[in-house]
Amino acid sequence: MSEAVALKKINHPYITRQEGVCGGKPIIAGTRIRVQDIVIEYVQMGLTPDEIVQAHPHLALAQVHDALSYYYDHAEEILSDIRKSEQLVEEIRKKYSKSVLEEIRV
């Protein structure tokens, strides 16, 4: 006998979206720090939540944990946003392969 478990929508009190702020991406409320920025620091850079707070002293540990919780609830969306950002950086690098200083020296 198995019972169907209804998943209720999880509230993320520290995460918001605002039109015109960070492209409408999910951010930590009251800041311009995107959830994807916290994820990059945690997953790709290997920082602990405490180290992330040390790097961003205006954040509370609860905010960082809520950002990570939001990520785990919306991983596809956040990973897609990260990939799009990385693609944009790569396009800019290709377009502007030489720095302004290198061009001056030539």
PDB file of N, CA and C in Angstrom:
ATOM      1  N   MET A   1       0.841  -1.181   0.000  1.00  0.00           N
ATOM      2  CA  MET A   1       0.000   0.000   0.000  1.00  0.00           C
ATOM      3  C   MET A   1       0.884   1.242   0.000  1.00  0.00           C
ATOM      4  N   SER A   2       0.713   2.036  -0.983  1.00  0.00           N
ATOM      5  CA  SER A   2       1.468   3.286  -1.016  1.00  0.00           C
ATOM      6  C   SER A   2       0.491   4.451  -1.077  1.00  0.00           C
ATOM      7  N   GLU A   3       0.837   5.449  -0.352  1.00  0.00           N
ATOM      8  CA  GLU A   3      -0.001   6.646  -0.334  1.00  0.00           C
ATOM      9  C   GLU A   3       0.634   7.704  -1.212  1.00  0.00           C
ATOM     10  N   ALA A   4      -0.186   8.400  -1.960  1.00  0.00           N
ATOM     11  CA  ALA A   4       0.323   9.510  -2.769  1.00  0.00           C
ATOM     12  C   ALA A   4       0.591  10.687  -1.840  1.00  0.00           C
ATOM     13  N   VAL A   5       1.783  11.209  -1.953  1.00  0.00           N
ATOM     14  CA  VAL A   5       2.156  12.354  -1.133  1.00  0.00           C
ATOM     15  C   VAL A   5       2.069  13.598  -2.000  1.00  0.00           C
ATOM     16  N   ALA A   6       1.258  14.515  -1.581  1.00  0.00           N
ATOM     17  CA  ALA A   6       1.124  15.775  -2.307  1.00  0.00           C
ATOM     18  C   ALA A   6       2.245  16.707  -1.867  1.00  0.00           C
ATOM     19  N   LEU A   7       3.035  17.138  -2.832  1.00  0.00           N
ATOM     20  CA  LEU A   7       4.095  18.075  -2.515  1.00  0.00           C
ATOM     21  C   LEU A   7       3.514  19.478  -2.485  1.00  0.00           C
ATOM     22  N   LYS A   8       3.695  20.134  -1.378  1.00  0.00           N
ATOM     23  CA  LYS A   8       3.200  21.502  -1.309  1.00  0.00           C
ATOM     24  C   LYS A   8       4.305  22.456  -1.737  1.00  0.00           C
ATOM     25  N   LYS A   9       3.910  23.580  -2.202  1.00  0.00           N
ATOM     26  CA  LYS A   9       4.865  24.588  -2.644  1.00  0.00           C
ATOM     27  C   LYS A   9       5.678  25.045  -1.440  1.00  0.00           C
ATOM     28  N   ILE A  10       6.987  25.008  -1.600  1.00  0.00           N
ATOM     29  CA  ILE A  10       7.871  25.406  -0.508  1.00  0.00           C
ATOM     30  C   ILE A  10       8.106  26.904  -0.577  1.00  0.00           C
ATOM     31  N   ASN A  11       7.962  27.542   0.548  1.00  0.00           N
ATOM     32  CA  ASN A  11       8.155  28.975   0.647  1.00  0.00           C
ATOM     33  C   ASN A  11       9.633  29.275   0.856  1.00  0.00           C
ATOM     34  N   HIS A  12      10.154  30.217   0.092  1.00  0.00           N
ATOM     35  CA  HIS A  12      11.537  30.670   0.227  1.00  0.00           C
ATOM     36  C   HIS A  12      11.483  32.154   0.618  1.00  0.00           C
ATOM     37  N   PRO A  13      11.436  32.426   1.918  1.00  0.00           N
ATOM     38  CA  PRO A  13      11.193  33.793   2.377  1.00  0.00           C
ATOM     39  C   PRO A  13      12.291  34.795   2.027  1.00  0.00           C
ATOM     40  N   TYR A  14      13.491  34.321   1.760  1.00  0.00           N
ATOM     41  CA  TYR A  14      14.590  35.233   1.463  1.00  0.00           C
ATOM     42  C   TYR A  14      14.829  35.424  -0.028  1.00  0.00           C
ATOM     43  N   ILE A  15      14.059  34.737  -0.860  1.00  0.00           N
ATOM     44  CA  ILE A  15      14.279  34.792  -2.306  1.00  0.00           C
ATOM     45  C   ILE A  15      13.123  35.532  -2.963  1.00  0.00           C
ATOM     46  N   THR A  16      13.468  36.389  -3.908  1.00  0.00           N
ATOM     47  CA  THR A  16      12.453  37.156  -4.626  1.00  0.00           C
ATOM     48  C   THR A  16      12.895  37.356  -6.061  1.00  0.00           C
ATOM     49  N   ARG A  17      11.999  37.849  -6.855  1.00  0.00           N
ATOM     50  CA  ARG A  17      12.289  38.287  -8.227  1.00  0.00           C
ATOM     51  C   ARG A  17      11.726  39.691  -8.358  1.00  0.00           C
ATOM     52  N   GLN A  18      12.475  40.545  -9.008  1.00  0.00           N
ATOM     53  CA  GLN A  18      11.991  41.904  -9.240  1.00  0.00           C
ATOM     54  C   GLN A  18      12.275  42.275 -10.682  1.00  0.00           C
ATOM     55  N   GLU A  19      11.245  42.701 -11.366  1.00  0.00           N
ATOM     56  CA  GLU A  19      11.435  43.157 -12.734  1.00  0.00           C
ATOM     57  C   GLU A  19      12.432  44.314 -12.727  1.00  0.00           C
ATOM     58  N   GLY A  20      13.396  44.250 -13.611  1.00  0.00           N
ATOM     59  CA  GLY A  20      14.394  45.311 -13.705  1.00  0.00           C
ATOM     60  C   GLY A  20      15.577  45.140 -12.773  1.00  0.00           C
ATOM     61  N   VAL A  21      15.574  44.106 -11.957  1.00  0.00           N
ATOM     62  CA  VAL A  21      16.716  43.838 -11.070  1.00  0.00           C
ATOM     63  C   VAL A  21      17.312  42.498 -11.464  1.00  0.00           C
ATOM     64  N   CYS A  22      18.545  42.533 -11.910  1.00  0.00           N
ATOM     65  CA  CYS A  22      19.265  41.308 -12.306  1.00  0.00           C
ATOM     66  C   CYS A  22      18.497  40.500 -13.343  1.00  0.00           C
ATOM     67  N   GLY A  23      17.861  41.206 -14.263  1.00  0.00           N
ATOM     68  CA  GLY A  23      17.144  40.529 -15.342  1.00  0.00           C
ATOM     69  C   GLY A  23      15.957  39.712 -14.889  1.00  0.00           C
ATOM     70  N   GLY A  24      15.430  40.014 -13.709  1.00  0.00           N
ATOM     71  CA  GLY A  24      14.287  39.266 -13.205  1.00  0.00           C
ATOM     72  C   GLY A  24      14.638  37.894 -12.657  1.00  0.00           C
ATOM     73  N   LYS A  25      15.928  37.620 -12.535  1.00  0.00           N
ATOM     74  CA  LYS A  25      16.382  36.333 -11.990  1.00  0.00           C
ATOM     75  C   LYS A  25      16.118  36.304 -10.487  1.00  0.00           C
ATOM     76  N   PRO A  26      16.015  35.103  -9.907  1.00  0.00           N
ATOM     77  CA  PRO A  26      15.811  35.024  -8.461  1.00  0.00           C
ATOM     78  C   PRO A  26      17.033  35.565  -7.712  1.00  0.00           C
ATOM     79  N   ILE A  27      16.759  36.438  -6.752  1.00  0.00           N
ATOM     80  CA  ILE A  27      17.818  37.072  -5.962  1.00  0.00           C
ATOM     81  C   ILE A  27      17.498  36.939  -4.476  1.00  0.00           C
ATOM     82  N   ILE A  28      18.508  37.197  -3.665  1.00  0.00           N
ATOM     83  CA  ILE A  28      18.281  37.289  -2.232  1.00  0.00           C
ATOM     84  C   ILE A  28      17.614  38.637  -1.986  1.00  0.00           C
ATOM     85  N   ALA A  29      16.465  38.620  -1.357  1.00  0.00           N
ATOM     86  CA  ALA A  29      15.667  39.822  -1.149  1.00  0.00           C
ATOM     87  C   ALA A  29      16.495  40.931  -0.504  1.00  0.00           C
ATOM     88  N   GLY A  30      16.332  42.130  -1.034  1.00  0.00           N
ATOM     89  CA  GLY A  30      17.026  43.293  -0.501  1.00  0.00           C
ATOM     90  C   GLY A  30      18.454  43.435  -0.992  1.00  0.00           C
ATOM     91  N   THR A  31      18.866  42.546  -1.903  1.00  0.00           N
ATOM     92  CA  THR A  31      20.224  42.602  -2.459  1.00  0.00           C
ATOM     93  C   THR A  31      20.140  42.467  -3.968  1.00  0.00           C
ATOM     94  N   ARG A  32      21.284  42.494  -4.599  1.00  0.00           N
ATOM     95  CA  ARG A  32      21.376  42.204  -6.026  1.00  0.00           C
ATOM     96  C   ARG A  32      22.156  40.907  -6.241  1.00  0.00           C
ATOM     97  N   ILE A  33      22.217  40.086  -5.213  1.00  0.00           N
ATOM     98  CA  ILE A  33      22.935  38.815  -5.315  1.00  0.00           C
ATOM     99  C   ILE A  33      21.960  37.753  -5.809  1.00  0.00           C
ATOM    100  N   ARG A  34      22.284  37.222  -6.988  1.00  0.00           N
ATOM    101  CA  ARG A  34      21.428  36.207  -7.594  1.00  0.00           C
ATOM    102  C   ARG A  34      21.649  34.857  -6.919  1.00  0.00           C
ATOM    103  N   VAL A  35      20.615  34.044  -6.934  1.00  0.00           N
ATOM    104  CA  VAL A  35      20.738  32.674  -6.423  1.00  0.00           C
ATOM    105  C   VAL A  35      21.860  31.970  -7.172  1.00  0.00           C
ATOM    106  N   GLN A  36      21.962  32.200  -8.473  1.00  0.00           N
ATOM    107  CA  GLN A  36      23.007  31.535  -9.247  1.00  0.00           C
ATOM    108  C   GLN A  36      24.402  31.934  -8.774  1.00  0.00           C
ATOM    109  N   ASP A  37      24.584  33.134  -8.253  1.00  0.00           N
ATOM    110  CA  ASP A  37      25.894  33.541  -7.734  1.00  0.00           C
ATOM    111  C   ASP A  37      26.265  32.719  -6.505  1.00  0.00           C
ATOM    112  N   ILE A  38      25.282  32.493  -5.635  1.00  0.00           N
ATOM    113  CA  ILE A  38      25.513  31.675  -4.441  1.00  0.00           C
ATOM    114  C   ILE A  38      25.817  30.241  -4.860  1.00  0.00           C
ATOM    115  N   VAL A  39      25.089  29.737  -5.849  1.00  0.00           N
ATOM    116  CA  VAL A  39      25.299  28.370  -6.326  1.00  0.00           C
ATOM    117  C   VAL A  39      26.699  28.214  -6.902  1.00  0.00           C
ATOM    118  N   ILE A  40      27.157  29.178  -7.683  1.00  0.00           N
ATOM    119  CA  ILE A  40      28.501  29.114  -8.253  1.00  0.00           C
ATOM    120  C   ILE A  40      29.537  29.064  -7.135  1.00  0.00           C
ATOM    121  N   GLU A  41      29.361  29.906  -6.126  1.00  0.00           N
ATOM    122  CA  GLU A  41      30.320  29.915  -5.021  1.00  0.00           C
ATOM    123  C   GLU A  41      30.299  28.593  -4.250  1.00  0.00           C
ATOM    124  N   TYR A  42      29.126  28.007  -4.097  1.00  0.00           N
ATOM    125  CA  TYR A  42      28.976  26.770  -3.322  1.00  0.00           C
ATOM    126  C   TYR A  42      29.389  25.531  -4.130  1.00  0.00           C
ATOM    127  N   VAL A  43      28.846  25.396  -5.324  1.00  0.00           N
ATOM    128  CA  VAL A  43      29.055  24.185  -6.113  1.00  0.00           C
ATOM    129  C   VAL A  43      30.379  24.225  -6.872  1.00  0.00           C
ATOM    130  N   GLN A  44      30.616  25.290  -7.618  1.00  0.00           N
ATOM    131  CA  GLN A  44      31.792  25.332  -8.484  1.00  0.00           C
ATOM    132  C   GLN A  44      33.061  25.742  -7.738  1.00  0.00           C
ATOM    133  N   MET A  45      32.937  26.676  -6.803  1.00  0.00           N
ATOM    134  CA  MET A  45      34.113  27.147  -6.081  1.00  0.00           C
ATOM    135  C   MET A  45      34.364  26.374  -4.791  1.00  0.00           C
ATOM    136  N   GLY A  46      33.374  25.623  -4.343  1.00  0.00           N
ATOM    137  CA  GLY A  46      33.546  24.786  -3.165  1.00  0.00           C
ATOM    138  C   GLY A  46      33.505  25.515  -1.831  1.00  0.00           C
ATOM    139  N   LEU A  47      32.934  26.727  -1.817  1.00  0.00           N
ATOM    140  CA  LEU A  47      32.830  27.466  -0.560  1.00  0.00           C
ATOM    141  C   LEU A  47      31.711  26.886   0.297  1.00  0.00           C
ATOM    142  N   THR A  48      31.895  26.917   1.595  1.00  0.00           N
ATOM    143  CA  THR A  48      30.834  26.506   2.510  1.00  0.00           C
ATOM    144  C   THR A  48      29.879  27.689   2.698  1.00  0.00           C
ATOM    145  N   PRO A  49      28.670  27.446   3.194  1.00  0.00           N
ATOM    146  CA  PRO A  49      27.771  28.574   3.466  1.00  0.00           C
ATOM    147  C   PRO A  49      28.407  29.612   4.399  1.00  0.00           C
ATOM    148  N   ASP A  50      29.151  29.168   5.401  1.00  0.00           N
ATOM    149  CA  ASP A  50      29.836  30.120   6.296  1.00  0.00           C
ATOM    150  C   ASP A  50      30.851  30.964   5.530  1.00  0.00           C
ATOM    151  N   GLU A  51      31.584  30.352   4.611  1.00  0.00           N
ATOM    152  CA  GLU A  51      32.565  31.102   3.813  1.00  0.00           C
ATOM    153  C   GLU A  51      31.878  32.084   2.869  1.00  0.00           C
ATOM    154  N   ILE A  52      30.714  31.713   2.372  1.00  0.00           N
ATOM    155  CA  ILE A  52      29.955  32.629   1.511  1.00  0.00           C
ATOM    156  C   ILE A  52      29.522  33.850   2.308  1.00  0.00           C
ATOM    157  N   VAL A  53      29.085  33.638   3.541  1.00  0.00           N
ATOM    158  CA  VAL A  53      28.707  34.763   4.408  1.00  0.00           C
ATOM    159  C   VAL A  53      29.933  35.637   4.691  1.00  0.00           C
ATOM    160  N   GLN A  54      31.086  35.033   4.888  1.00  0.00           N
ATOM    161  CA  GLN A  54      32.309  35.821   5.109  1.00  0.00           C
ATOM    162  C   GLN A  54      32.628  36.668   3.879  1.00  0.00           C
ATOM    163  N   ALA A  55      32.372  36.117   2.693  1.00  0.00           N
ATOM    164  CA  ALA A  55      32.629  36.862   1.459  1.00  0.00           C
ATOM    165  C   ALA A  55      31.589  37.950   1.216  1.00  0.00           C
ATOM    166  N   HIS A  56      30.410  37.773   1.795  1.00  0.00           N
ATOM    167  CA  HIS A  56      29.313  38.736   1.646  1.00  0.00           C
ATOM    168  C   HIS A  56      28.762  39.038   3.040  1.00  0.00           C
ATOM    169  N   PRO A  57      29.474  39.825   3.824  1.00  0.00           N
ATOM    170  CA  PRO A  57      29.094  40.019   5.231  1.00  0.00           C
ATOM    171  C   PRO A  57      27.722  40.663   5.445  1.00  0.00           C
ATOM    172  N   HIS A  58      27.132  41.223   4.403  1.00  0.00           N
ATOM    173  CA  HIS A  58      25.788  41.790   4.539  1.00  0.00           C
ATOM    174  C   HIS A  58      24.706  40.716   4.463  1.00  0.00           C
ATOM    175  N   LEU A  59      25.099  39.467   4.173  1.00  0.00           N
ATOM    176  CA  LEU A  59      24.140  38.369   4.129  1.00  0.00           C
ATOM    177  C   LEU A  59      24.120  37.614   5.448  1.00  0.00           C
ATOM    178  N   ALA A  60      22.959  37.078   5.771  1.00  0.00           N
ATOM    179  CA  ALA A  60      22.824  36.198   6.926  1.00  0.00           C
ATOM    180  C   ALA A  60      22.946  34.755   6.444  1.00  0.00           C
ATOM    181  N   LEU A  61      23.377  33.895   7.337  1.00  0.00           N
ATOM    182  CA  LEU A  61      23.523  32.491   6.986  1.00  0.00           C
ATOM    183  C   LEU A  61      22.199  31.898   6.507  1.00  0.00           C
ATOM    184  N   ALA A  62      21.103  32.310   7.111  1.00  0.00           N
ATOM    185  CA  ALA A  62      19.786  31.817   6.689  1.00  0.00           C
ATOM    186  C   ALA A  62      19.489  32.191   5.238  1.00  0.00           C
ATOM    187  N   GLN A  63      19.923  33.363   4.803  1.00  0.00           N
ATOM    188  CA  GLN A  63      19.699  33.781   3.424  1.00  0.00           C
ATOM    189  C   GLN A  63      20.461  32.875   2.454  1.00  0.00           C
ATOM    190  N   VAL A  64      21.700  32.548   2.809  1.00  0.00           N
ATOM    191  CA  VAL A  64      22.511  31.678   1.956  1.00  0.00           C
ATOM    192  C   VAL A  64      21.884  30.287   1.881  1.00  0.00           C
ATOM    193  N   HIS A  65      21.469  29.765   3.023  1.00  0.00           N
ATOM    194  CA  HIS A  65      20.838  28.445   3.019  1.00  0.00           C
ATOM    195  C   HIS A  65      19.531  28.455   2.236  1.00  0.00           C
ATOM    196  N   ASP A  66      18.772  29.534   2.308  1.00  0.00           N
ATOM    197  CA  ASP A  66      17.532  29.617   1.542  1.00  0.00           C
ATOM    198  C   ASP A  66      17.832  29.675   0.049  1.00  0.00           C
ATOM    199  N   ALA A  67      18.894  30.382  -0.339  1.00  0.00           N
ATOM    200  CA  ALA A  67      19.289  30.424  -1.752  1.00  0.00           C
ATOM    201  C   ALA A  67      19.649  29.022  -2.240  1.00  0.00           C
ATOM    202  N   LEU A  68      20.368  28.273  -1.415  1.00  0.00           N
ATOM    203  CA  LEU A  68      20.723  26.902  -1.797  1.00  0.00           C
ATOM    204  C   LEU A  68      19.486  26.014  -1.845  1.00  0.00           C
ATOM    205  N   SER A  69      18.575  26.191  -0.911  1.00  0.00           N
ATOM    206  CA  SER A  69      17.328  25.434  -0.919  1.00  0.00           C
ATOM    207  C   SER A  69      16.530  25.750  -2.180  1.00  0.00           C
ATOM    208  N   TYR A  70      16.470  27.021  -2.535  1.00  0.00           N
ATOM    209  CA  TYR A  70      15.779  27.428  -3.761  1.00  0.00           C
ATOM    210  C   TYR A  70      16.419  26.751  -4.966  1.00  0.00           C
ATOM    211  N   TYR A  71      17.743  26.724  -4.979  1.00  0.00           N
ATOM    212  CA  TYR A  71      18.463  26.065  -6.075  1.00  0.00           C
ATOM    213  C   TYR A  71      18.049  24.602  -6.183  1.00  0.00           C
ATOM    214  N   TYR A  72      18.025  23.887  -5.085  1.00  0.00           N
ATOM    215  CA  TYR A  72      17.674  22.470  -5.137  1.00  0.00           C
ATOM    216  C   TYR A  72      16.223  22.261  -5.580  1.00  0.00           C
ATOM    217  N   ASP A  73      15.357  23.214  -5.299  1.00  0.00           N
ATOM    218  CA  ASP A  73      13.973  23.133  -5.755  1.00  0.00           C
ATOM    219  C   ASP A  73      13.807  23.543  -7.222  1.00  0.00           C
ATOM    220  N   HIS A  74      14.781  24.294  -7.758  1.00  0.00           N
ATOM    221  CA  HIS A  74      14.688  24.833  -9.125  1.00  0.00           C
ATOM    222  C   HIS A  74      16.010  24.632  -9.880  1.00  0.00           C
ATOM    223  N   ALA A  75      16.618  23.487  -9.724  1.00  0.00           N
ATOM    224  CA  ALA A  75      17.966  23.247 -10.263  1.00  0.00           C
ATOM    225  C   ALA A  75      18.037  23.454 -11.779  1.00  0.00           C
ATOM    226  N   GLU A  76      17.072  22.955 -12.522  1.00  0.00           N
ATOM    227  CA  GLU A  76      17.125  23.099 -13.988  1.00  0.00           C
ATOM    228  C   GLU A  76      17.164  24.568 -14.392  1.00  0.00           C
ATOM    229  N   GLU A  77      16.316  25.363 -13.783  1.00  0.00           N
ATOM    230  CA  GLU A  77      16.256  26.797 -14.104  1.00  0.00           C
ATOM    231  C   GLU A  77      17.580  27.489 -13.764  1.00  0.00           C
ATOM    232  N   ILE A  78      18.098  27.236 -12.573  1.00  0.00           N
ATOM    233  CA  ILE A  78      19.320  27.912 -12.138  1.00  0.00           C
ATOM    234  C   ILE A  78      20.512  27.464 -12.980  1.00  0.00           C
ATOM    235  N   LEU A  79      20.626  26.167 -13.251  1.00  0.00           N
ATOM    236  CA  LEU A  79      21.729  25.677 -14.075  1.00  0.00           C
ATOM    237  C   LEU A  79      21.640  26.224 -15.493  1.00  0.00           C
ATOM    238  N   SER A  80      20.432  26.377 -16.010  1.00  0.00           N
ATOM    239  CA  SER A  80      20.247  26.984 -17.326  1.00  0.00           C
ATOM    240  C   SER A  80      20.709  28.439 -17.319  1.00  0.00           C
ATOM    241  N   ASP A  81      20.362  29.176 -16.271  1.00  0.00           N
ATOM    242  CA  ASP A  81      20.802  30.570 -16.146  1.00  0.00           C
ATOM    243  C   ASP A  81      22.329  30.653 -16.095  1.00  0.00           C
ATOM    244  N   ILE A  82      22.954  29.735 -15.370  1.00  0.00           N
ATOM    245  CA  ILE A  82      24.420  29.722 -15.272  1.00  0.00           C
ATOM    246  C   ILE A  82      25.031  29.444 -16.645  1.00  0.00           C
ATOM    247  N   ARG A  83      24.495  28.460 -17.361  1.00  0.00           N
ATOM    248  CA  ARG A  83      25.010  28.144 -18.704  1.00  0.00           C
ATOM    249  C   ARG A  83      24.872  29.345 -19.642  1.00  0.00           C
ATOM    250  N   LYS A  84      23.726  30.026 -19.593  1.00  0.00           N
ATOM    251  CA  LYS A  84      23.523  31.196 -20.447  1.00  0.00           C
ATOM    252  C   LYS A  84      24.531  32.294 -20.115  1.00  0.00           C
ATOM    253  N   SER A  85      24.796  32.502 -18.851  1.00  0.00           N
ATOM    254  CA  SER A  85      25.784  33.509 -18.443  1.00  0.00           C
ATOM    255  C   SER A  85      27.171  33.135 -18.938  1.00  0.00           C
ATOM    256  N   GLU A  86      27.517  31.862 -18.826  1.00  0.00           N
ATOM    257  CA  GLU A  86      28.833  31.399 -19.296  1.00  0.00           C
ATOM    258  C   GLU A  86      28.959  31.559 -20.807  1.00  0.00           C
ATOM    259  N   GLN A  87      27.877  31.289 -21.546  1.00  0.00           N
ATOM    260  CA  GLN A  87      27.895  31.464 -22.998  1.00  0.00           C
ATOM    261  C   GLN A  87      28.079  32.925 -23.364  1.00  0.00           C
ATOM    262  N   LEU A  88      27.414  33.818 -22.643  1.00  0.00           N
ATOM    263  CA  LEU A  88      27.555  35.249 -22.895  1.00  0.00           C
ATOM    264  C   LEU A  88      28.992  35.694 -22.664  1.00  0.00           C
ATOM    265  N   VAL A  89      29.594  35.225 -21.577  1.00  0.00           N
ATOM    266  CA  VAL A  89      30.992  35.580 -21.290  1.00  0.00           C
ATOM    267  C   VAL A  89      31.893  35.093 -22.418  1.00  0.00           C
ATOM    268  N   GLU A  90      31.661  33.881 -22.888  1.00  0.00           N
ATOM    269  CA  GLU A  90      32.481  33.332 -23.975  1.00  0.00           C
ATOM    270  C   GLU A  90      32.314  34.135 -25.255  1.00  0.00           C
ATOM    271  N   GLU A  91      31.092  34.544 -25.568  1.00  0.00           N
ATOM    272  CA  GLU A  91      30.850  35.370 -26.757  1.00  0.00           C
ATOM    273  C   GLU A  91      31.577  36.706 -26.649  1.00  0.00           C
ATOM    274  N   ILE A  92      31.548  37.300 -25.479  1.00  0.00           N
ATOM    275  CA  ILE A  92      32.238  38.578 -25.268  1.00  0.00           C
ATOM    276  C   ILE A  92      33.742  38.391 -25.402  1.00  0.00           C
ATOM    277  N   ARG A  93      34.257  37.300 -24.842  1.00  0.00           N
ATOM    278  CA  ARG A  93      35.700  37.023 -24.964  1.00  0.00           C
ATOM    279  C   ARG A  93      36.118  36.892 -26.418  1.00  0.00           C
ATOM    280  N   LYS A  94      35.314  36.200 -27.217  1.00  0.00           N
ATOM    281  CA  LYS A  94      35.634  36.029 -28.630  1.00  0.00           C
ATOM    282  C   LYS A  94      35.573  37.361 -29.362  1.00  0.00           C
ATOM    283  N   LYS A  95      34.568  38.144 -29.052  1.00  0.00           N
ATOM    284  CA  LYS A  95      34.394  39.420 -29.737  1.00  0.00           C
ATOM    285  C   LYS A  95      35.491  40.406 -29.380  1.00  0.00           C
ATOM    286  N   TYR A  96      35.898  40.393 -28.140  1.00  0.00           N
ATOM    287  CA  TYR A  96      36.917  41.327 -27.659  1.00  0.00           C
ATOM    288  C   TYR A  96      38.120  40.536 -27.160  1.00  0.00           C
ATOM    289  N   SER A  97      38.745  39.798 -28.072  1.00  0.00           N
ATOM    290  CA  SER A  97      39.832  38.905 -27.677  1.00  0.00           C
ATOM    291  C   SER A  97      41.064  39.667 -27.198  1.00  0.00           C
ATOM    292  N   LYS A  98      41.253  40.877 -27.678  1.00  0.00           N
ATOM    293  CA  LYS A  98      42.375  41.695 -27.216  1.00  0.00           C
ATOM    294  C   LYS A  98      41.858  42.743 -26.242  1.00  0.00           C
ATOM    295  N   SER A  99      42.609  42.970 -25.197  1.00  0.00           N
ATOM    296  CA  SER A  99      42.223  44.016 -24.265  1.00  0.00           C
ATOM    297  C   SER A  99      42.576  45.372 -24.854  1.00  0.00           C
ATOM    298  N   VAL A 100      42.006  46.403 -24.318  1.00  0.00           N
ATOM    299  CA  VAL A 100      42.292  47.763 -24.761  1.00  0.00           C
ATOM    300  C   VAL A 100      43.779  48.053 -24.602  1.00  0.00           C
ATOM    301  N   LEU A 101      44.384  47.610 -23.519  1.00  0.00           N
ATOM    302  CA  LEU A 101      45.810  47.843 -23.290  1.00  0.00           C
ATOM    303  C   LEU A 101      46.666  47.137 -24.340  1.00  0.00           C
ATOM    304  N   GLU A 102      46.283  45.938 -24.727  1.00  0.00           N
ATOM    305  CA  GLU A 102      47.038  45.237 -25.763  1.00  0.00           C
ATOM    306  C   GLU A 102      46.939  45.978 -27.090  1.00  0.00           C
ATOM    307  N   GLU A 103      45.783  46.523 -27.405  1.00  0.00           N
ATOM    308  CA  GLU A 103      45.611  47.248 -28.654  1.00  0.00           C
ATOM    309  C   GLU A 103      46.414  48.545 -28.676  1.00  0.00           C
ATOM    310  N   ILE A 104      46.566  49.177 -27.532  1.00  0.00           N
ATOM    311  CA  ILE A 104      47.355  50.416 -27.451  1.00  0.00           C
ATOM    312  C   ILE A 104      48.818  50.115 -27.710  1.00  0.00           C
ATOM    313  N   ARG A 105      49.321  49.015 -27.204  1.00  0.00           N
ATOM    314  CA  ARG A 105      50.732  48.655 -27.363  1.00  0.00           C
ATOM    315  C   ARG A 105      51.075  48.298 -28.787  1.00  0.00           C
ATOM    316  N   VAL A 106      50.121  47.908 -29.594  1.00  0.00           N
ATOM    317  CA  VAL A 106      50.403  47.464 -30.960  1.00  0.00           C
ATOM    318  C   VAL A 106      50.681  48.605 -31.866  1.00  0.00           C
TER     319      VAL A 106
END
